[in-house]
Amino acid sequence: MHGGVLAGWLMVALCAVSGAYCLLRTRSGTPQERRTARSEALMGFGMAAMALPAAVLTPPEWAWAVYGVVFGAAALRALRWARRGGHHLHHLVGSLAMVYMAVAMAPGVAGAGGHAGHGVAAGGGMGGAGGLPLLTGVLLVYYALYVLRSAGHLIPAGTAVAGFAGGSAEGVVRGGGGGPGGVPGGSGGGGTELTAACRLTMGLAMFAMLLTL
């Protein structure tokens, strides 16, 4: 139980710091880069709030509806730009995943387990939530591949992992290998190593939160 609380606070801190860094990125760059940074900031802060340990804050019943509305709107916004491909597609998946977790954690779906499972830190995490195993599994596979590919662009190309993930020495030096959307150097801008690390962190956090469904 105690270890779970520490893990929950660590996730809150990582997501909040990532969100804050993305918020700073909204002050510079091209319009597309600023849009990407705003979407990532919203995702970071949203995951930080969702990961708060239940022992610290038990959300009111309407909080899950707010999560659903906010990230539903974010999904619609991402859908508008998704036809351009790149990182917008990843934002669309992330926003829909947040809506899915909010619905799964809603008291009407999860029952008493929804409150006990708020955050990753309440003993069994979101173990009582009403997630759909097949959909959860698909999202887990997506984020596992996303994390592996993102990590590959941060590892020197001489290693086997970088080669497996499609990384390159030039991509590591420049903070991205020019890969497809959702990975460092893909469409969406902000291709520094720190930006890539923040995206990797949020991908890992999303994977961990989905595991608890």
C-alpha atoms as a PDB file:
ATOM      1  CA  MET A   1       0.000   0.000   0.000  1.00  0.00           C
ATOM      2  CA  HIS A   2       2.726   2.452   0.981  1.00  0.00           C
ATOM      3  CA  GLY A   3       4.801   1.613  -2.065  1.00  0.00           C
ATOM      4  CA  GLY A   4       1.732   2.161  -4.254  1.00  0.00           C
ATOM      5  CA  VAL A   5       1.255   5.648  -2.831  1.00  0.00           C
ATOM      6  CA  LEU A   6       4.873   6.515  -3.577  1.00  0.00           C
ATOM      7  CA  ALA A   7       4.464   5.240  -7.131  1.00  0.00           C
ATOM      8  CA  GLY A   8       1.341   7.343  -7.512  1.00  0.00           C
ATOM      9  CA  TRP A   9       3.074  10.494  -6.330  1.00  0.00           C
ATOM     10  CA  LEU A  10       5.985   9.801  -8.672  1.00  0.00           C
ATOM     11  CA  MET A  11       3.583   9.546 -11.602  1.00  0.00           C
ATOM     12  CA  VAL A  12       1.837  12.759 -10.545  1.00  0.00           C
ATOM     13  CA  ALA A  13       5.182  14.565 -10.364  1.00  0.00           C
ATOM     14  CA  LEU A  14       6.449  13.280 -13.718  1.00  0.00           C
ATOM     15  CA  CYS A  15       3.218  14.099 -15.541  1.00  0.00           C
ATOM     16  CA  ALA A  16       2.953  17.542 -13.934  1.00  0.00           C
ATOM     17  CA  VAL A  17       6.561  18.420 -14.799  1.00  0.00           C
ATOM     18  CA  SER A  18       6.045  17.193 -18.362  1.00  0.00           C
ATOM     19  CA  GLY A  19       2.872  19.264 -18.626  1.00  0.00           C
ATOM     20  CA  ALA A  20       4.652  22.348 -17.288  1.00  0.00           C
ATOM     21  CA  TYR A  21       7.484  21.956 -19.792  1.00  0.00           C
ATOM     22  CA  CYS A  22       4.982  21.576 -22.639  1.00  0.00           C
ATOM     23  CA  LEU A  23       3.237  24.714 -21.414  1.00  0.00           C
ATOM     24  CA  LEU A  24       6.530  26.611 -21.673  1.00  0.00           C
ATOM     25  CA  ARG A  25       6.902  25.381 -25.245  1.00  0.00           C
ATOM     26  CA  THR A  26       3.648  27.122 -26.194  1.00  0.00           C
ATOM     27  CA  ARG A  27       5.476  30.452 -25.972  1.00  0.00           C
ATOM     28  CA  SER A  28       7.658  29.820 -29.017  1.00  0.00           C
ATOM     29  CA  GLY A  29       7.817  27.898 -32.264  1.00  0.00           C
ATOM     30  CA  THR A  30       5.541  27.675 -35.268  1.00  0.00           C
ATOM     31  CA  PRO A  31       1.730  27.667 -34.898  1.00  0.00           C
ATOM     32  CA  GLN A  32       1.720  23.897 -35.416  1.00  0.00           C
ATOM     33  CA  GLU A  33       4.383  23.417 -32.735  1.00  0.00           C
ATOM     34  CA  ARG A  34       2.412  25.569 -30.300  1.00  0.00           C
ATOM     35  CA  ARG A  35      -0.766  23.583 -30.967  1.00  0.00           C
ATOM     36  CA  THR A  36       1.142  20.378 -30.301  1.00  0.00           C
ATOM     37  CA  ALA A  37       2.610  21.785 -27.087  1.00  0.00           C
ATOM     38  CA  ARG A  38      -0.827  22.858 -25.823  1.00  0.00           C
ATOM     39  CA  SER A  39      -2.258  19.407 -26.473  1.00  0.00           C
ATOM     40  CA  GLU A  40       0.641  17.753 -24.698  1.00  0.00           C
ATOM     41  CA  ALA A  41       0.366  20.139 -21.741  1.00  0.00           C
ATOM     42  CA  LEU A  42      -3.323  19.286 -21.355  1.00  0.00           C
ATOM     43  CA  MET A  43      -2.498  15.587 -21.484  1.00  0.00           C
ATOM     44  CA  GLY A  44       0.260  15.912 -18.896  1.00  0.00           C
ATOM     45  CA  PHE A  45      -1.833  17.864 -16.397  1.00  0.00           C
ATOM     46  CA  GLY A  46      -4.850  15.625 -17.006  1.00  0.00           C
ATOM     47  CA  MET A  47      -2.867  12.476 -16.265  1.00  0.00           C
ATOM     48  CA  ALA A  48      -1.319  14.100 -13.196  1.00  0.00           C
ATOM     49  CA  ALA A  49      -4.792  14.887 -11.823  1.00  0.00           C
ATOM     50  CA  MET A  50      -6.109  11.411 -12.626  1.00  0.00           C
ATOM     51  CA  ALA A  51      -3.118   9.761 -10.927  1.00  0.00           C
ATOM     52  CA  LEU A  52      -3.590  11.557  -7.578  1.00  0.00           C
ATOM     53  CA  PRO A  53      -3.760   8.927  -4.795  1.00  0.00           C
ATOM     54  CA  ALA A  54      -7.262   8.351  -3.462  1.00  0.00           C
ATOM     55  CA  ALA A  55      -5.910   8.678   0.082  1.00  0.00           C
ATOM     56  CA  VAL A  56      -5.113  12.320  -0.703  1.00  0.00           C
ATOM     57  CA  LEU A  57      -8.111  13.303  -2.794  1.00  0.00           C
ATOM     58  CA  THR A  58     -11.284  11.395  -3.583  1.00  0.00           C
ATOM     59  CA  PRO A  59     -12.792  13.063  -6.662  1.00  0.00           C
ATOM     60  CA  PRO A  60     -16.483  14.002  -6.653  1.00  0.00           C
ATOM     61  CA  GLU A  61     -18.728  11.960  -8.901  1.00  0.00           C
ATOM     62  CA  TRP A  62     -18.974  14.748 -11.467  1.00  0.00           C
ATOM     63  CA  ALA A  63     -15.176  14.898 -11.878  1.00  0.00           C
ATOM     64  CA  TRP A  64     -15.209  11.931 -14.247  1.00  0.00           C
ATOM     65  CA  ALA A  65     -17.791  13.657 -16.434  1.00  0.00           C
ATOM     66  CA  VAL A  66     -15.520  16.704 -16.564  1.00  0.00           C
ATOM     67  CA  TYR A  67     -12.597  14.512 -17.643  1.00  0.00           C
ATOM     68  CA  GLY A  68     -14.766  13.003 -20.370  1.00  0.00           C
ATOM     69  CA  VAL A  69     -15.971  16.381 -21.675  1.00  0.00           C
ATOM     70  CA  VAL A  70     -12.524  18.014 -21.621  1.00  0.00           C
ATOM     71  CA  PHE A  71     -10.734  15.189 -23.376  1.00  0.00           C
ATOM     72  CA  GLY A  72     -13.666  14.533 -25.664  1.00  0.00           C
ATOM     73  CA  ALA A  73     -13.281  18.126 -26.859  1.00  0.00           C
ATOM     74  CA  ALA A  74      -9.528  17.558 -27.162  1.00  0.00           C
ATOM     75  CA  ALA A  75     -10.202  14.460 -29.276  1.00  0.00           C
ATOM     76  CA  LEU A  76     -12.459  16.432 -31.618  1.00  0.00           C
ATOM     77  CA  ARG A  77      -9.781  19.085 -31.929  1.00  0.00           C
ATOM     78  CA  ALA A  78      -7.143  16.448 -32.677  1.00  0.00           C
ATOM     79  CA  LEU A  79      -9.470  14.834 -35.220  1.00  0.00           C
ATOM     80  CA  ARG A  80      -9.636  18.143 -37.064  1.00  0.00           C
ATOM     81  CA  TRP A  81      -5.879  18.071 -37.601  1.00  0.00           C
ATOM     82  CA  ALA A  82      -5.453  14.295 -37.792  1.00  0.00           C
ATOM     83  CA  ARG A  83      -5.787  14.269 -41.572  1.00  0.00           C
ATOM     84  CA  ARG A  84      -2.336  15.848 -41.641  1.00  0.00           C
ATOM     85  CA  GLY A  85      -1.026  12.762 -39.879  1.00  0.00           C
ATOM     86  CA  GLY A  86       1.990  13.013 -37.637  1.00  0.00           C
ATOM     87  CA  HIS A  87       1.687  13.702 -33.941  1.00  0.00           C
ATOM     88  CA  HIS A  88      -1.963  14.770 -34.255  1.00  0.00           C
ATOM     89  CA  LEU A  89      -2.950  11.129 -34.674  1.00  0.00           C
ATOM     90  CA  HIS A  90      -1.153  10.304 -31.442  1.00  0.00           C
ATOM     91  CA  HIS A  91      -2.983  13.149 -29.680  1.00  0.00           C
ATOM     92  CA  LEU A  92      -6.267  11.731 -30.959  1.00  0.00           C
ATOM     93  CA  VAL A  93      -5.470   8.291 -29.535  1.00  0.00           C
ATOM     94  CA  GLY A  94      -4.318   9.813 -26.244  1.00  0.00           C
ATOM     95  CA  SER A  95      -7.420  11.956 -25.840  1.00  0.00           C
ATOM     96  CA  LEU A  96      -9.717   9.026 -26.594  1.00  0.00           C
ATOM     97  CA  ALA A  97      -7.764   6.902 -24.111  1.00  0.00           C
ATOM     98  CA  MET A  98      -8.347   9.541 -21.430  1.00  0.00           C
ATOM     99  CA  VAL A  99     -12.073   9.579 -22.211  1.00  0.00           C
ATOM    100  CA  TYR A 100     -12.102   5.788 -21.998  1.00  0.00           C
ATOM    101  CA  MET A 101     -10.394   5.797 -18.592  1.00  0.00           C
ATOM    102  CA  ALA A 102     -12.753   8.497 -17.303  1.00  0.00           C
ATOM    103  CA  VAL A 103     -15.782   6.444 -18.372  1.00  0.00           C
ATOM    104  CA  ALA A 104     -14.271   3.275 -16.889  1.00  0.00           C
ATOM    105  CA  MET A 105     -13.649   5.055 -13.587  1.00  0.00           C
ATOM    106  CA  ALA A 106     -17.078   6.708 -13.360  1.00  0.00           C
ATOM    107  CA  PRO A 107     -19.013   5.519 -10.276  1.00  0.00           C
ATOM    108  CA  GLY A 108     -21.890   4.239 -12.399  1.00  0.00           C
ATOM    109  CA  VAL A 109     -19.503   1.965 -14.289  1.00  0.00           C
ATOM    110  CA  ALA A 110     -16.899   1.068 -11.712  1.00  0.00           C
ATOM    111  CA  GLY A 111     -19.105   1.161  -8.645  1.00  0.00           C
ATOM    112  CA  ALA A 112     -17.250   1.387  -5.361  1.00  0.00           C
ATOM    113  CA  GLY A 113     -14.089   0.219  -7.073  1.00  0.00           C
ATOM    114  CA  GLY A 114     -13.959   3.436  -9.071  1.00  0.00           C
ATOM    115  CA  HIS A 115     -13.263   5.498  -5.945  1.00  0.00           C
ATOM    116  CA  ALA A 116     -10.934   2.961  -4.398  1.00  0.00           C
ATOM    117  CA  GLY A 117      -9.044   2.798  -7.631  1.00  0.00           C
ATOM    118  CA  HIS A 118      -8.558   6.530  -8.230  1.00  0.00           C
ATOM    119  CA  GLY A 119      -4.975   7.037  -9.233  1.00  0.00           C
ATOM    120  CA  VAL A 120      -2.309   4.375  -9.371  1.00  0.00           C
ATOM    121  CA  ALA A 121      -1.549   4.596  -5.698  1.00  0.00           C
ATOM    122  CA  ALA A 122      -4.598   3.198  -3.958  1.00  0.00           C
ATOM    123  CA  GLY A 123      -3.457  -0.324  -3.278  1.00  0.00           C
ATOM    124  CA  GLY A 124      -4.691  -2.119  -6.363  1.00  0.00           C
ATOM    125  CA  GLY A 125      -4.700   1.036  -8.469  1.00  0.00           C
ATOM    126  CA  MET A 126      -7.730   1.193 -10.768  1.00  0.00           C
ATOM    127  CA  GLY A 127      -8.334  -2.502 -10.307  1.00  0.00           C
ATOM    128  CA  GLY A 128     -12.050  -2.018  -9.670  1.00  0.00           C
ATOM    129  CA  ALA A 129     -12.657   0.051 -12.762  1.00  0.00           C
ATOM    130  CA  GLY A 130     -14.997  -1.083 -15.495  1.00  0.00           C
ATOM    131  CA  GLY A 131     -12.615  -1.241 -18.423  1.00  0.00           C
ATOM    132  CA  LEU A 132     -13.116  -3.468 -21.465  1.00  0.00           C
ATOM    133  CA  PRO A 133     -10.264  -6.027 -21.603  1.00  0.00           C
ATOM    134  CA  LEU A 134     -10.018  -6.045 -25.405  1.00  0.00           C
ATOM    135  CA  LEU A 135      -9.941  -2.255 -25.754  1.00  0.00           C
ATOM    136  CA  THR A 136      -7.543  -1.934 -22.838  1.00  0.00           C
ATOM    137  CA  GLY A 137      -5.289  -4.520 -24.448  1.00  0.00           C
ATOM    138  CA  VAL A 138      -5.261  -2.688 -27.782  1.00  0.00           C
ATOM    139  CA  LEU A 139      -4.315   0.574 -26.069  1.00  0.00           C
ATOM    140  CA  LEU A 140      -1.617  -1.179 -24.043  1.00  0.00           C
ATOM    141  CA  VAL A 141      -0.070  -2.590 -27.223  1.00  0.00           C
ATOM    142  CA  TYR A 142      -0.198   0.833 -28.873  1.00  0.00           C
ATOM    143  CA  TYR A 143       1.523   2.572 -25.964  1.00  0.00           C
ATOM    144  CA  ALA A 144       4.060  -0.214 -25.533  1.00  0.00           C
ATOM    145  CA  LEU A 145       5.113   0.214 -29.175  1.00  0.00           C
ATOM    146  CA  TYR A 146       5.047   4.005 -28.805  1.00  0.00           C
ATOM    147  CA  VAL A 147       7.330   3.871 -25.768  1.00  0.00           C
ATOM    148  CA  LEU A 148       9.755   1.470 -27.446  1.00  0.00           C
ATOM    149  CA  ARG A 149       9.960   3.569 -30.585  1.00  0.00           C
ATOM    150  CA  SER A 150      10.305   6.834 -28.669  1.00  0.00           C
ATOM    151  CA  ALA A 151      13.022   5.364 -26.459  1.00  0.00           C
ATOM    152  CA  GLY A 152      14.856   4.148 -29.543  1.00  0.00           C
ATOM    153  CA  HIS A 153      15.240   7.730 -30.769  1.00  0.00           C
ATOM    154  CA  LEU A 154      16.907   8.707 -27.493  1.00  0.00           C
ATOM    155  CA  ILE A 155      19.407   5.835 -27.462  1.00  0.00           C
ATOM    156  CA  PRO A 156      22.666   5.981 -29.464  1.00  0.00           C
ATOM    157  CA  ALA A 157      22.254   4.235 -32.794  1.00  0.00           C
ATOM    158  CA  GLY A 158      25.071   1.777 -32.090  1.00  0.00           C
ATOM    159  CA  THR A 159      22.896  -0.170 -29.659  1.00  0.00           C
ATOM    160  CA  ALA A 160      20.568  -2.959 -30.651  1.00  0.00           C
ATOM    161  CA  VAL A 161      17.553  -1.165 -29.152  1.00  0.00           C
ATOM    162  CA  ALA A 162      18.096   1.934 -31.252  1.00  0.00           C
ATOM    163  CA  GLY A 163      18.419  -0.195 -34.351  1.00  0.00           C
ATOM    164  CA  PHE A 164      15.218  -2.065 -33.510  1.00  0.00           C
ATOM    165  CA  ALA A 165      13.301   1.176 -32.925  1.00  0.00           C
ATOM    166  CA  GLY A 166      14.523   2.853 -36.056  1.00  0.00           C
ATOM    167  CA  GLY A 167      16.811   5.368 -34.329  1.00  0.00           C
ATOM    168  CA  SER A 168      19.841   6.945 -35.950  1.00  0.00           C
ATOM    169  CA  ALA A 169      22.927   8.767 -34.750  1.00  0.00           C
ATOM    170  CA  GLU A 170      21.831  11.902 -36.571  1.00  0.00           C
ATOM    171  CA  GLY A 171      18.375  11.657 -35.022  1.00  0.00           C
ATOM    172  CA  VAL A 172      19.802  11.379 -31.510  1.00  0.00           C
ATOM    173  CA  VAL A 173      22.032  14.399 -31.969  1.00  0.00           C
ATOM    174  CA  ARG A 174      19.176  16.474 -33.313  1.00  0.00           C
ATOM    175  CA  GLY A 175      16.647  15.138 -30.842  1.00  0.00           C
ATOM    176  CA  GLY A 176      14.649  13.087 -33.328  1.00  0.00           C
ATOM    177  CA  GLY A 177      15.118  10.827 -36.267  1.00  0.00           C
ATOM    178  CA  GLY A 178      12.404  12.337 -38.434  1.00  0.00           C
ATOM    179  CA  GLY A 179      10.149   9.369 -37.835  1.00  0.00           C
ATOM    180  CA  PRO A 180       6.393   9.274 -38.243  1.00  0.00           C
ATOM    181  CA  GLY A 181       3.962  11.012 -35.947  1.00  0.00           C
ATOM    182  CA  GLY A 182       3.954  10.343 -32.252  1.00  0.00           C
ATOM    183  CA  VAL A 183       7.707   9.910 -32.048  1.00  0.00           C
ATOM    184  CA  PRO A 184      10.515  12.413 -31.666  1.00  0.00           C
ATOM    185  CA  GLY A 185      11.222  14.235 -34.846  1.00  0.00           C
ATOM    186  CA  GLY A 186       7.806  13.435 -36.289  1.00  0.00           C
ATOM    187  CA  SER A 187       5.269  15.952 -37.414  1.00  0.00           C
ATOM    188  CA  GLY A 188       4.316  18.271 -34.621  1.00  0.00           C
ATOM    189  CA  GLY A 189       7.644  19.949 -34.046  1.00  0.00           C
ATOM    190  CA  GLY A 190       9.490  20.491 -30.829  1.00  0.00           C
ATOM    191  CA  GLY A 191      12.069  17.853 -31.734  1.00  0.00           C
ATOM    192  CA  THR A 192      14.546  18.434 -28.913  1.00  0.00           C
ATOM    193  CA  GLU A 193      15.768  15.618 -26.697  1.00  0.00           C
ATOM    194  CA  LEU A 194      13.933  17.115 -23.707  1.00  0.00           C
ATOM    195  CA  THR A 195      10.692  17.246 -25.664  1.00  0.00           C
ATOM    196  CA  ALA A 196      11.209  13.637 -26.710  1.00  0.00           C
ATOM    197  CA  ALA A 197      11.862  12.655 -23.090  1.00  0.00           C
ATOM    198  CA  CYS A 198       8.638  14.343 -21.973  1.00  0.00           C
ATOM    199  CA  ARG A 199       6.662  12.490 -24.628  1.00  0.00           C
ATOM    200  CA  LEU A 200       8.296   9.235 -23.554  1.00  0.00           C
ATOM    201  CA  THR A 201       7.424   9.966 -19.921  1.00  0.00           C
ATOM    202  CA  MET A 202       3.772  10.609 -20.730  1.00  0.00           C
ATOM    203  CA  GLY A 203       3.649   7.466 -22.862  1.00  0.00           C
ATOM    204  CA  LEU A 204       4.979   5.422 -19.952  1.00  0.00           C
ATOM    205  CA  ALA A 205       2.483   7.066 -17.581  1.00  0.00           C
ATOM    206  CA  MET A 206      -0.409   6.278 -19.902  1.00  0.00           C
ATOM    207  CA  PHE A 207       0.754   2.669 -20.190  1.00  0.00           C
ATOM    208  CA  ALA A 208       0.940   2.377 -16.380  1.00  0.00           C
ATOM    209  CA  MET A 209      -2.527   3.871 -15.913  1.00  0.00           C
ATOM    210  CA  LEU A 210      -4.046   1.547 -18.499  1.00  0.00           C
ATOM    211  CA  LEU A 211      -2.457  -1.426 -16.738  1.00  0.00           C
ATOM    212  CA  THR A 212      -4.510  -0.648 -13.654  1.00  0.00           C
ATOM    213  CA  LEU A 213      -7.861  -0.906 -15.494  1.00  0.00           C
END
